[in-house]
Amino acid sequence: MDLEDLLERIKQADRDGETRLVLGDQGITELPAEIGNLSRLEQLVLFGNQLTDLPAGLGRLTNLTRL
């Protein structure tokens, strides 16, 4: 998944008020800071990607119970 597609998924999840976002096995190497805008998010699924760092904005996800 390229950055443009990832940003669109994040924006759509925000518009829809999603509490769960599944991004597993998408070849993601970096999460954009916009992930921190998903204030309702309770679950963020990231397995099977190539992440080496997580954005500081992840700390704003105060409802997150599963990563």
PDB file of N, CA and C in Angstrom:
ATOM      1  N   MET A   1       0.848  -1.162   0.000  1.00  0.00           N
ATOM      2  CA  MET A   1       0.000   0.000   0.000  1.00  0.00           C
ATOM      3  C   MET A   1       0.900   1.232   0.000  1.00  0.00           C
ATOM      4  N   ASP A   2       0.661   2.145  -0.939  1.00  0.00           N
ATOM      5  CA  ASP A   2       1.485   3.350  -0.967  1.00  0.00           C
ATOM      6  C   ASP A   2       0.927   4.401  -0.005  1.00  0.00           C
ATOM      7  N   LEU A   3       1.697   5.450   0.207  1.00  0.00           N
ATOM      8  CA  LEU A   3       1.352   6.471   1.193  1.00  0.00           C
ATOM      9  C   LEU A   3       0.007   7.121   0.886  1.00  0.00           C
ATOM     10  N   GLU A   4      -0.260   7.394  -0.364  1.00  0.00           N
ATOM     11  CA  GLU A   4      -1.524   8.030  -0.754  1.00  0.00           C
ATOM     12  C   GLU A   4      -2.720   7.158  -0.368  1.00  0.00           C
ATOM     13  N   ASP A   5      -2.632   5.866  -0.649  1.00  0.00           N
ATOM     14  CA  ASP A   5      -3.706   4.936  -0.288  1.00  0.00           C
ATOM     15  C   ASP A   5      -3.862   4.836   1.227  1.00  0.00           C
ATOM     16  N   LEU A   6      -2.740   4.811   1.926  1.00  0.00           N
ATOM     17  CA  LEU A   6      -2.763   4.718   3.371  1.00  0.00           C
ATOM     18  C   LEU A   6      -3.427   5.961   3.984  1.00  0.00           C
ATOM     19  N   LEU A   7      -3.063   7.128   3.487  1.00  0.00           N
ATOM     20  CA  LEU A   7      -3.680   8.363   3.981  1.00  0.00           C
ATOM     21  C   LEU A   7      -5.182   8.366   3.719  1.00  0.00           C
ATOM     22  N   GLU A   8      -5.594   7.869   2.573  1.00  0.00           N
ATOM     23  CA  GLU A   8      -7.030   7.810   2.263  1.00  0.00           C
ATOM     24  C   GLU A   8      -7.746   6.854   3.211  1.00  0.00           C
ATOM     25  N   ARG A   9      -7.132   5.716   3.515  1.00  0.00           N
ATOM     26  CA  ARG A   9      -7.748   4.772   4.478  1.00  0.00           C
ATOM     27  C   ARG A   9      -7.892   5.410   5.842  1.00  0.00           C
ATOM     28  N   ILE A  10      -6.885   6.165   6.263  1.00  0.00           N
ATOM     29  CA  ILE A  10      -6.930   6.844   7.558  1.00  0.00           C
ATOM     30  C   ILE A  10      -8.026   7.909   7.557  1.00  0.00           C
ATOM     31  N   LYS A  11      -8.101   8.696   6.500  1.00  0.00           N
ATOM     32  CA  LYS A  11      -9.137   9.736   6.402  1.00  0.00           C
ATOM     33  C   LYS A  11     -10.532   9.122   6.408  1.00  0.00           C
ATOM     34  N   GLN A  12     -10.699   8.027   5.679  1.00  0.00           N
ATOM     35  CA  GLN A  12     -12.007   7.357   5.634  1.00  0.00           C
ATOM     36  C   GLN A  12     -12.380   6.808   7.009  1.00  0.00           C
ATOM     37  N   ALA A  13     -11.424   6.220   7.701  1.00  0.00           N
ATOM     38  CA  ALA A  13     -11.677   5.696   9.044  1.00  0.00           C
ATOM     39  C   ALA A  13     -12.079   6.826   9.987  1.00  0.00           C
ATOM     40  N   ASP A  14     -11.455   7.988   9.827  1.00  0.00           N
ATOM     41  CA  ASP A  14     -11.790   9.145  10.654  1.00  0.00           C
ATOM     42  C   ASP A  14     -13.212   9.622  10.350  1.00  0.00           C
ATOM     43  N   ARG A  15     -13.550   9.741   9.072  1.00  0.00           N
ATOM     44  CA  ARG A  15     -14.899  10.174   8.664  1.00  0.00           C
ATOM     45  C   ARG A  15     -15.965   9.218   9.172  1.00  0.00           C
ATOM     46  N   ASP A  16     -15.663   7.930   9.136  1.00  0.00           N
ATOM     47  CA  ASP A  16     -16.636   6.907   9.533  1.00  0.00           C
ATOM     48  C   ASP A  16     -16.665   6.661  11.037  1.00  0.00           C
ATOM     49  N   GLY A  17     -15.759   7.285  11.779  1.00  0.00           N
ATOM     50  CA  GLY A  17     -15.705   7.083  13.228  1.00  0.00           C
ATOM     51  C   GLY A  17     -15.324   5.670  13.613  1.00  0.00           C
ATOM     52  N   GLU A  18     -14.459   5.062  12.803  1.00  0.00           N
ATOM     53  CA  GLU A  18     -14.044   3.676  13.040  1.00  0.00           C
ATOM     54  C   GLU A  18     -13.401   3.501  14.415  1.00  0.00           C
ATOM     55  N   THR A  19     -13.650   2.361  15.021  1.00  0.00           N
ATOM     56  CA  THR A  19     -12.988   2.009  16.279  1.00  0.00           C
ATOM     57  C   THR A  19     -11.937   0.929  16.044  1.00  0.00           C
ATOM     58  N   ARG A  20     -11.905   0.380  14.830  1.00  0.00           N
ATOM     59  CA  ARG A  20     -10.933  -0.673  14.484  1.00  0.00           C
ATOM     60  C   ARG A  20     -10.426  -0.407  13.074  1.00  0.00           C
ATOM     61  N   LEU A  21      -9.114  -0.450  12.912  1.00  0.00           N
ATOM     62  CA  LEU A  21      -8.508  -0.252  11.608  1.00  0.00           C
ATOM     63  C   LEU A  21      -7.528  -1.389  11.354  1.00  0.00           C
ATOM     64  N   VAL A  22      -7.767  -2.128  10.290  1.00  0.00           N
ATOM     65  CA  VAL A  22      -6.921  -3.278   9.941  1.00  0.00           C
ATOM     66  C   VAL A  22      -6.027  -2.880   8.772  1.00  0.00           C
ATOM     67  N   LEU A  23      -4.733  -2.870   9.030  1.00  0.00           N
ATOM     68  CA  LEU A  23      -3.738  -2.544   8.011  1.00  0.00           C
ATOM     69  C   LEU A  23      -2.679  -3.638   7.919  1.00  0.00           C
ATOM     70  N   GLY A  24      -3.036  -4.852   8.298  1.00  0.00           N
ATOM     71  CA  GLY A  24      -2.094  -5.964   8.283  1.00  0.00           C
ATOM     72  C   GLY A  24      -1.709  -6.390   6.878  1.00  0.00           C
ATOM     73  N   ASP A  25      -0.481  -6.860   6.736  1.00  0.00           N
ATOM     74  CA  ASP A  25       0.048  -7.394   5.476  1.00  0.00           C
ATOM     75  C   ASP A  25      -0.122  -6.449   4.295  1.00  0.00           C
ATOM     76  N   GLN A  26       0.195  -5.176   4.493  1.00  0.00           N
ATOM     77  CA  GLN A  26       0.043  -4.180   3.429  1.00  0.00           C
ATOM     78  C   GLN A  26       1.373  -3.632   2.920  1.00  0.00           C
ATOM     79  N   GLY A  27       2.478  -4.157   3.425  1.00  0.00           N
ATOM     80  CA  GLY A  27       3.785  -3.676   2.985  1.00  0.00           C
ATOM     81  C   GLY A  27       4.101  -2.274   3.475  1.00  0.00           C
ATOM     82  N   ILE A  28       3.479  -1.881   4.570  1.00  0.00           N
ATOM     83  CA  ILE A  28       3.679  -0.538   5.107  1.00  0.00           C
ATOM     84  C   ILE A  28       5.032  -0.462   5.810  1.00  0.00           C
ATOM     85  N   THR A  29       5.805   0.555   5.478  1.00  0.00           N
ATOM     86  CA  THR A  29       7.106   0.742   6.111  1.00  0.00           C
ATOM     87  C   THR A  29       7.096   1.907   7.096  1.00  0.00           C
ATOM     88  N   GLU A  30       6.089   2.774   6.989  1.00  0.00           N
ATOM     89  CA  GLU A  30       6.014   3.937   7.859  1.00  0.00           C
ATOM     90  C   GLU A  30       4.561   4.348   8.026  1.00  0.00           C
ATOM     91  N   LEU A  31       4.173   4.645   9.257  1.00  0.00           N
ATOM     92  CA  LEU A  31       2.826   5.158   9.512  1.00  0.00           C
ATOM     93  C   LEU A  31       2.883   6.679   9.508  1.00  0.00           C
ATOM     94  N   PRO A  32       1.981   7.320   8.775  1.00  0.00           N
ATOM     95  CA  PRO A  32       1.971   8.781   8.776  1.00  0.00           C
ATOM     96  C   PRO A  32       1.446   9.335  10.101  1.00  0.00           C
ATOM     97  N   ALA A  33       1.824  10.554  10.409  1.00  0.00           N
ATOM     98  CA  ALA A  33       1.399  11.207  11.655  1.00  0.00           C
ATOM     99  C   ALA A  33      -0.119  11.304  11.753  1.00  0.00           C
ATOM    100  N   GLU A  34      -0.812  11.312  10.624  1.00  0.00           N
ATOM    101  CA  GLU A  34      -2.274  11.431  10.604  1.00  0.00           C
ATOM    102  C   GLU A  34      -2.978  10.295  11.340  1.00  0.00           C
ATOM    103  N   ILE A  35      -2.278   9.209  11.583  1.00  0.00           N
ATOM    104  CA  ILE A  35      -2.866   8.100  12.334  1.00  0.00           C
ATOM    105  C   ILE A  35      -3.300   8.582  13.718  1.00  0.00           C
ATOM    106  N   GLY A  36      -2.637   9.590  14.238  1.00  0.00           N
ATOM    107  CA  GLY A  36      -2.963  10.146  15.540  1.00  0.00           C
ATOM    108  C   GLY A  36      -4.289  10.895  15.578  1.00  0.00           C
ATOM    109  N   ASN A  37      -4.902  11.127  14.419  1.00  0.00           N
ATOM    110  CA  ASN A  37      -6.197  11.817  14.349  1.00  0.00           C
ATOM    111  C   ASN A  37      -7.370  10.887  14.636  1.00  0.00           C
ATOM    112  N   LEU A  38      -7.124   9.596  14.705  1.00  0.00           N
ATOM    113  CA  LEU A  38      -8.212   8.624  14.870  1.00  0.00           C
ATOM    114  C   LEU A  38      -8.538   8.451  16.354  1.00  0.00           C
ATOM    115  N   SER A  39      -9.118   9.464  16.929  1.00  0.00           N
ATOM    116  CA  SER A  39      -9.334   9.505  18.379  1.00  0.00           C
ATOM    117  C   SER A  39     -10.270   8.422  18.902  1.00  0.00           C
ATOM    118  N   ARG A  40     -11.130   7.876  18.057  1.00  0.00           N
ATOM    119  CA  ARG A  40     -12.061   6.828  18.502  1.00  0.00           C
ATOM    120  C   ARG A  40     -11.459   5.423  18.405  1.00  0.00           C
ATOM    121  N   LEU A  41     -10.301   5.329  17.806  1.00  0.00           N
ATOM    122  CA  LEU A  41      -9.704   4.025  17.528  1.00  0.00           C
ATOM    123  C   LEU A  41      -9.427   3.241  18.806  1.00  0.00           C
ATOM    124  N   GLU A  42      -9.910   2.010  18.838  1.00  0.00           N
ATOM    125  CA  GLU A  42      -9.672   1.103  19.958  1.00  0.00           C
ATOM    126  C   GLU A  42      -8.702  -0.006  19.577  1.00  0.00           C
ATOM    127  N   GLN A  43      -8.720  -0.391  18.285  1.00  0.00           N
ATOM    128  CA  GLN A  43      -7.840  -1.460  17.806  1.00  0.00           C
ATOM    129  C   GLN A  43      -7.148  -1.023  16.517  1.00  0.00           C
ATOM    130  N   LEU A  44      -5.850  -1.233  16.471  1.00  0.00           N
ATOM    131  CA  LEU A  44      -5.070  -0.945  15.284  1.00  0.00           C
ATOM    132  C   LEU A  44      -4.266  -2.201  14.956  1.00  0.00           C
ATOM    133  N   VAL A  45      -4.575  -2.798  13.822  1.00  0.00           N
ATOM    134  CA  VAL A  45      -3.954  -4.067  13.415  1.00  0.00           C
ATOM    135  C   VAL A  45      -2.875  -3.763  12.374  1.00  0.00           C
ATOM    136  N   LEU A  46      -1.636  -4.119  12.706  1.00  0.00           N
ATOM    137  CA  LEU A  46      -0.490  -3.784  11.852  1.00  0.00           C
ATOM    138  C   LEU A  46       0.398  -4.977  11.521  1.00  0.00           C
ATOM    139  N   PHE A  47      -0.026  -6.196  11.833  1.00  0.00           N
ATOM    140  CA  PHE A  47       0.850  -7.358  11.631  1.00  0.00           C
ATOM    141  C   PHE A  47       1.291  -7.481  10.175  1.00  0.00           C
ATOM    142  N   GLY A  48       2.445  -8.083   9.977  1.00  0.00           N
ATOM    143  CA  GLY A  48       2.931  -8.402   8.638  1.00  0.00           C
ATOM    144  C   GLY A  48       3.437  -7.221   7.837  1.00  0.00           C
ATOM    145  N   ASN A  49       3.758  -6.115   8.469  1.00  0.00           N
ATOM    146  CA  ASN A  49       4.320  -4.958   7.778  1.00  0.00           C
ATOM    147  C   ASN A  49       5.799  -4.823   8.113  1.00  0.00           C
ATOM    148  N   GLN A  50       6.427  -3.821   7.577  1.00  0.00           N
ATOM    149  CA  GLN A  50       7.867  -3.618   7.773  1.00  0.00           C
ATOM    150  C   GLN A  50       8.139  -2.348   8.571  1.00  0.00           C
ATOM    151  N   LEU A  51       7.361  -2.105   9.611  1.00  0.00           N
ATOM    152  CA  LEU A  51       7.510  -0.901  10.426  1.00  0.00           C
ATOM    153  C   LEU A  51       8.750  -0.995  11.307  1.00  0.00           C
ATOM    154  N   THR A  52       9.517   0.082  11.349  1.00  0.00           N
ATOM    155  CA  THR A  52      10.680   0.133  12.225  1.00  0.00           C
ATOM    156  C   THR A  52      10.517   1.206  13.296  1.00  0.00           C
ATOM    157  N   ASP A  53       9.505   2.058  13.132  1.00  0.00           N
ATOM    158  CA  ASP A  53       9.266   3.151  14.065  1.00  0.00           C
ATOM    159  C   ASP A  53       7.775   3.470  14.036  1.00  0.00           C
ATOM    160  N   LEU A  54       7.277   4.015  15.119  1.00  0.00           N
ATOM    161  CA  LEU A  54       5.881   4.437  15.191  1.00  0.00           C
ATOM    162  C   LEU A  54       5.843   5.939  15.436  1.00  0.00           C
ATOM    163  N   PRO A  55       4.885   6.645  14.823  1.00  0.00           N
ATOM    164  CA  PRO A  55       4.825   8.095  14.993  1.00  0.00           C
ATOM    165  C   PRO A  55       4.413   8.483  16.413  1.00  0.00           C
ATOM    166  N   ALA A  56       4.899   9.619  16.864  1.00  0.00           N
ATOM    167  CA  ALA A  56       4.560  10.109  18.204  1.00  0.00           C
ATOM    168  C   ALA A  56       3.056  10.311  18.356  1.00  0.00           C
ATOM    169  N   GLY A  57       2.359  10.618  17.258  1.00  0.00           N
ATOM    170  CA  GLY A  57       0.916  10.837  17.296  1.00  0.00           C
ATOM    171  C   GLY A  57       0.139   9.634  17.784  1.00  0.00           C
ATOM    172  N   LEU A  58       0.757   8.482  17.758  1.00  0.00           N
ATOM    173  CA  LEU A  58       0.097   7.277  18.247  1.00  0.00           C
ATOM    174  C   LEU A  58      -0.265   7.436  19.725  1.00  0.00           C
ATOM    175  N   GLY A  59       0.493   8.243  20.427  1.00  0.00           N
ATOM    176  CA  GLY A  59       0.230   8.505  21.840  1.00  0.00           C
ATOM    177  C   GLY A  59      -1.066   9.269  22.076  1.00  0.00           C
ATOM    178  N   ARG A  60      -1.619   9.898  21.037  1.00  0.00           N
ATOM    179  CA  ARG A  60      -2.898  10.613  21.159  1.00  0.00           C
ATOM    180  C   ARG A  60      -4.088   9.686  21.080  1.00  0.00           C
ATOM    181  N   LEU A  61      -3.851   8.425  20.774  1.00  0.00           N
ATOM    182  CA  LEU A  61      -4.951   7.461  20.641  1.00  0.00           C
ATOM    183  C   LEU A  61      -5.289   6.904  22.022  1.00  0.00           C
ATOM    184  N   THR A  62      -5.945   7.712  22.819  1.00  0.00           N
ATOM    185  CA  THR A  62      -6.185   7.368  24.214  1.00  0.00           C
ATOM    186  C   THR A  62      -7.204   6.249  24.399  1.00  0.00           C
ATOM    187  N   ASN A  63      -7.986   5.914  23.364  1.00  0.00           N
ATOM    188  CA  ASN A  63      -8.937   4.812  23.448  1.00  0.00           C
ATOM    189  C   ASN A  63      -8.345   3.501  22.960  1.00  0.00           C
ATOM    190  N   LEU A  64      -7.109   3.541  22.453  1.00  0.00           N
ATOM    191  CA  LEU A  64      -6.473   2.351  21.889  1.00  0.00           C
ATOM    192  C   LEU A  64      -6.202   1.321  22.979  1.00  0.00           C
ATOM    193  N   THR A  65      -6.773   0.129  22.795  1.00  0.00           N
ATOM    194  CA  THR A  65      -6.565  -0.951  23.752  1.00  0.00           C
ATOM    195  C   THR A  65      -5.829  -2.125  23.139  1.00  0.00           C
ATOM    196  N   ARG A  66      -5.792  -2.196  21.807  1.00  0.00           N
ATOM    197  CA  ARG A  66      -5.095  -3.305  21.131  1.00  0.00           C
ATOM    198  C   ARG A  66      -4.281  -2.757  19.977  1.00  0.00           C
ATOM    199  N   LEU A  67      -3.006  -3.086  19.977  1.00  0.00           N
ATOM    200  CA  LEU A  67      -2.094  -2.694  18.903  1.00  0.00           C
ATOM    201  C   LEU A  67      -1.425  -3.944  18.380  1.00  0.00           C
TER     202      LEU A  67
END
